[in-house]
Amino acid sequence: MADKSFEESVAELNSILERLNSENTTLDESIELFSKGMGIIGTCRRQLDDAQNRIQLLLRQNTSETSFVPLAGNGVPPAQN
């Protein structure tokens, strides 16, 4: 079975947090939910690492073709002299 999308995983984490915060969750259920949440967090970290690696690869591939202009603190490129 394929991993869920990042967004689906975050939604599931939010659902787990809501259940953990409810007063109707037993200690055993809380431990099970916590364990499941930790697994989802691991999946999210891998997905974020993969996305970061893909972005870095794209940037390396396009560096020779693209010139990047750093933005000033106000989001505007600095004036050229």
N, C-alpha and C. Protein backbone atom coordinates (compact mmCIF):
# COMPACT_ATOMS: atom_id res chain seq x y z
N MET A 1 0.85 -1.19 0.00
CA MET A 1 0.00 0.00 0.00
C MET A 1 0.89 1.24 0.00
N ALA A 2 0.59 2.19 -0.86
CA ALA A 2 1.40 3.41 -0.97
C ALA A 2 1.16 4.32 0.23
N ASP A 3 2.20 5.11 0.53
CA ASP A 3 2.06 6.07 1.61
C ASP A 3 0.97 7.08 1.25
N LYS A 4 0.36 7.62 2.28
CA LYS A 4 -0.62 8.69 2.09
C LYS A 4 0.13 9.94 1.66
N SER A 5 -0.61 10.88 1.08
CA SER A 5 0.01 12.16 0.75
C SER A 5 0.37 12.88 2.05
N PHE A 6 1.26 13.85 1.93
CA PHE A 6 1.67 14.63 3.10
C PHE A 6 0.45 15.27 3.75
N GLU A 7 -0.42 15.82 2.94
CA GLU A 7 -1.61 16.51 3.44
C GLU A 7 -2.56 15.54 4.17
N GLU A 8 -2.69 14.33 3.62
CA GLU A 8 -3.53 13.32 4.28
C GLU A 8 -2.93 12.92 5.63
N SER A 9 -1.61 12.81 5.66
CA SER A 9 -0.94 12.45 6.91
C SER A 9 -1.11 13.52 7.97
N VAL A 10 -1.00 14.78 7.57
CA VAL A 10 -1.18 15.89 8.52
C VAL A 10 -2.61 15.89 9.04
N ALA A 11 -3.56 15.64 8.16
CA ALA A 11 -4.97 15.58 8.60
C ALA A 11 -5.16 14.43 9.59
N GLU A 12 -4.53 13.29 9.35
CA GLU A 12 -4.66 12.17 10.28
C GLU A 12 -4.00 12.50 11.62
N LEU A 13 -2.86 13.20 11.59
CA LEU A 13 -2.23 13.63 12.84
C LEU A 13 -3.14 14.55 13.63
N ASN A 14 -3.80 15.47 12.94
CA ASN A 14 -4.74 16.37 13.62
C ASN A 14 -5.88 15.58 14.26
N SER A 15 -6.36 14.56 13.57
CA SER A 15 -7.43 13.72 14.12
C SER A 15 -6.94 12.98 15.37
N ILE A 16 -5.71 12.48 15.30
CA ILE A 16 -5.13 11.79 16.46
C ILE A 16 -5.00 12.74 17.64
N LEU A 17 -4.54 13.96 17.37
CA LEU A 17 -4.40 14.95 18.45
C LEU A 17 -5.75 15.26 19.09
N GLU A 18 -6.78 15.39 18.27
CA GLU A 18 -8.11 15.64 18.82
C GLU A 18 -8.55 14.49 19.73
N ARG A 19 -8.29 13.27 19.29
CA ARG A 19 -8.68 12.11 20.11
C ARG A 19 -7.86 12.05 21.39
N LEU A 20 -6.56 12.38 21.29
CA LEU A 20 -5.72 12.36 22.50
C LEU A 20 -6.17 13.43 23.49
N ASN A 21 -6.66 14.55 23.00
CA ASN A 21 -7.11 15.63 23.87
C ASN A 21 -8.50 15.41 24.44
N SER A 22 -9.21 14.41 23.95
CA SER A 22 -10.55 14.16 24.47
C SER A 22 -10.44 13.45 25.82
N GLU A 23 -11.42 13.66 26.64
CA GLU A 23 -11.42 13.05 27.97
C GLU A 23 -11.89 11.60 27.93
N ASN A 24 -12.33 11.14 26.78
CA ASN A 24 -12.87 9.79 26.67
C ASN A 24 -11.83 8.76 26.24
N THR A 25 -10.59 9.15 26.08
CA THR A 25 -9.56 8.23 25.62
C THR A 25 -8.89 7.56 26.81
N THR A 26 -8.85 6.24 26.76
CA THR A 26 -8.20 5.50 27.86
C THR A 26 -6.68 5.58 27.70
N LEU A 27 -5.98 5.18 28.74
CA LEU A 27 -4.53 5.20 28.71
C LEU A 27 -4.00 4.30 27.60
N ASP A 28 -4.54 3.10 27.48
CA ASP A 28 -4.10 2.19 26.42
C ASP A 28 -4.37 2.76 25.03
N GLU A 29 -5.54 3.36 24.84
CA GLU A 29 -5.85 4.00 23.55
C GLU A 29 -4.89 5.15 23.28
N SER A 30 -4.58 5.92 24.32
CA SER A 30 -3.66 7.04 24.16
C SER A 30 -2.29 6.58 23.72
N ILE A 31 -1.81 5.50 24.32
CA ILE A 31 -0.49 4.97 23.95
C ILE A 31 -0.51 4.46 22.52
N GLU A 32 -1.58 3.79 22.14
CA GLU A 32 -1.71 3.30 20.76
C GLU A 32 -1.76 4.47 19.76
N LEU A 33 -2.53 5.50 20.09
CA LEU A 33 -2.62 6.68 19.23
C LEU A 33 -1.27 7.39 19.13
N PHE A 34 -0.58 7.50 20.26
CA PHE A 34 0.73 8.14 20.27
C PHE A 34 1.69 7.38 19.37
N SER A 35 1.70 6.06 19.47
CA SER A 35 2.57 5.24 18.64
C SER A 35 2.25 5.42 17.15
N LYS A 36 0.96 5.43 16.83
CA LYS A 36 0.54 5.63 15.44
C LYS A 36 0.97 7.01 14.95
N GLY A 37 0.80 8.02 15.79
CA GLY A 37 1.20 9.37 15.43
C GLY A 37 2.70 9.48 15.17
N MET A 38 3.50 8.80 16.00
CA MET A 38 4.95 8.83 15.79
C MET A 38 5.33 8.20 14.46
N GLY A 39 4.64 7.14 14.08
CA GLY A 39 4.87 6.53 12.77
C GLY A 39 4.53 7.48 11.63
N ILE A 40 3.42 8.18 11.79
CA ILE A 40 3.01 9.15 10.75
C ILE A 40 4.02 10.29 10.66
N ILE A 41 4.52 10.75 11.80
CA ILE A 41 5.52 11.81 11.80
C ILE A 41 6.77 11.35 11.04
N GLY A 42 7.18 10.10 11.23
CA GLY A 42 8.32 9.56 10.49
C GLY A 42 8.08 9.59 8.99
N THR A 43 6.87 9.21 8.59
CA THR A 43 6.51 9.25 7.17
C THR A 43 6.55 10.68 6.64
N CYS A 44 6.02 11.63 7.41
CA CYS A 44 6.02 13.04 7.00
C CYS A 44 7.45 13.56 6.85
N ARG A 45 8.31 13.20 7.78
CA ARG A 45 9.71 13.63 7.70
C ARG A 45 10.37 13.10 6.44
N ARG A 46 10.12 11.84 6.11
CA ARG A 46 10.69 11.27 4.88
C ARG A 46 10.15 12.00 3.65
N GLN A 47 8.86 12.31 3.67
CA GLN A 47 8.26 13.03 2.53
C GLN A 47 8.87 14.43 2.41
N LEU A 48 9.07 15.11 3.53
CA LEU A 48 9.67 16.44 3.48
C LEU A 48 11.13 16.38 3.03
N ASP A 49 11.87 15.38 3.51
CA ASP A 49 13.26 15.21 3.07
C ASP A 49 13.32 14.96 1.57
N ASP A 50 12.41 14.11 1.08
CA ASP A 50 12.36 13.82 -0.35
C ASP A 50 12.04 15.08 -1.16
N ALA A 51 11.09 15.86 -0.69
CA ALA A 51 10.73 17.10 -1.38
C ALA A 51 11.92 18.07 -1.39
N GLN A 52 12.61 18.18 -0.27
CA GLN A 52 13.77 19.07 -0.20
C GLN A 52 14.86 18.60 -1.16
N ASN A 53 15.11 17.30 -1.23
CA ASN A 53 16.11 16.77 -2.16
C ASN A 53 15.73 17.04 -3.60
N ARG A 54 14.45 16.89 -3.92
CA ARG A 54 14.00 17.16 -5.29
C ARG A 54 14.17 18.63 -5.65
N ILE A 55 13.86 19.52 -4.70
CA ILE A 55 14.02 20.96 -4.95
C ILE A 55 15.49 21.29 -5.14
N GLN A 56 16.37 20.74 -4.30
CA GLN A 56 17.80 21.00 -4.43
C GLN A 56 18.31 20.50 -5.77
N LEU A 57 17.85 19.35 -6.22
CA LEU A 57 18.24 18.83 -7.52
C LEU A 57 17.79 19.77 -8.63
N LEU A 58 16.56 20.23 -8.56
CA LEU A 58 16.07 21.18 -9.57
C LEU A 58 16.88 22.46 -9.58
N LEU A 59 17.22 22.95 -8.40
CA LEU A 59 18.02 24.17 -8.32
C LEU A 59 19.41 23.96 -8.91
N ARG A 60 20.03 22.81 -8.63
CA ARG A 60 21.36 22.53 -9.20
C ARG A 60 21.28 22.41 -10.71
N GLN A 61 20.23 21.78 -11.22
CA GLN A 61 20.08 21.61 -12.67
C GLN A 61 19.86 22.93 -13.37
N ASN A 62 19.22 23.86 -12.72
CA ASN A 62 18.86 25.12 -13.36
C ASN A 62 19.78 26.28 -13.00
N THR A 63 20.77 26.05 -12.16
CA THR A 63 21.65 27.14 -11.73
C THR A 63 22.36 27.78 -12.91
N SER A 64 22.81 26.99 -13.86
CA SER A 64 23.53 27.55 -15.00
C SER A 64 22.60 28.32 -15.93
N GLU A 65 21.33 28.01 -15.89
CA GLU A 65 20.37 28.66 -16.78
C GLU A 65 19.66 29.84 -16.12
N THR A 66 19.69 29.91 -14.82
CA THR A 66 18.90 30.89 -14.09
C THR A 66 19.81 31.72 -13.21
N SER A 67 19.60 33.01 -13.20
CA SER A 67 20.34 33.84 -12.25
C SER A 67 19.35 34.26 -11.17
N PHE A 68 19.77 34.11 -9.94
CA PHE A 68 18.93 34.45 -8.82
C PHE A 68 19.32 35.83 -8.31
N VAL A 69 18.33 36.66 -8.09
CA VAL A 69 18.57 38.00 -7.55
C VAL A 69 18.10 37.99 -6.10
N PRO A 70 19.04 38.21 -5.16
CA PRO A 70 18.60 38.24 -3.75
C PRO A 70 17.67 39.41 -3.52
N LEU A 71 16.69 39.22 -2.69
CA LEU A 71 15.73 40.27 -2.39
C LEU A 71 16.18 41.03 -1.15
N ALA A 72 15.91 42.32 -1.14
CA ALA A 72 16.15 43.11 0.05
C ALA A 72 15.10 42.73 1.09
N GLY A 73 15.23 43.24 2.29
CA GLY A 73 14.31 42.92 3.38
C GLY A 73 12.86 43.19 3.05
N ASN A 74 12.61 44.10 2.10
CA ASN A 74 11.23 44.44 1.76
C ASN A 74 10.68 43.62 0.60
N GLY A 75 11.44 42.61 0.13
CA GLY A 75 10.97 41.74 -0.94
C GLY A 75 11.19 42.30 -2.33
N VAL A 76 11.96 43.40 -2.44
CA VAL A 76 12.24 44.04 -3.72
C VAL A 76 13.71 43.83 -4.05
N PRO A 77 14.03 43.49 -5.30
CA PRO A 77 15.45 43.35 -5.65
C PRO A 77 16.21 44.65 -5.38
N PRO A 78 17.47 44.56 -4.93
CA PRO A 78 18.24 45.76 -4.66
C PRO A 78 18.48 46.57 -5.93
N ALA A 79 18.63 47.85 -5.78
CA ALA A 79 18.85 48.74 -6.93
C ALA A 79 20.19 48.43 -7.58
N GLN A 80 20.23 48.45 -8.90
CA GLN A 80 21.46 48.24 -9.65
C GLN A 80 22.19 49.56 -9.79
N ASN A 81 23.51 49.55 -9.61
CA ASN A 81 24.33 50.78 -9.79
C ASN A 81 24.73 50.95 -11.20
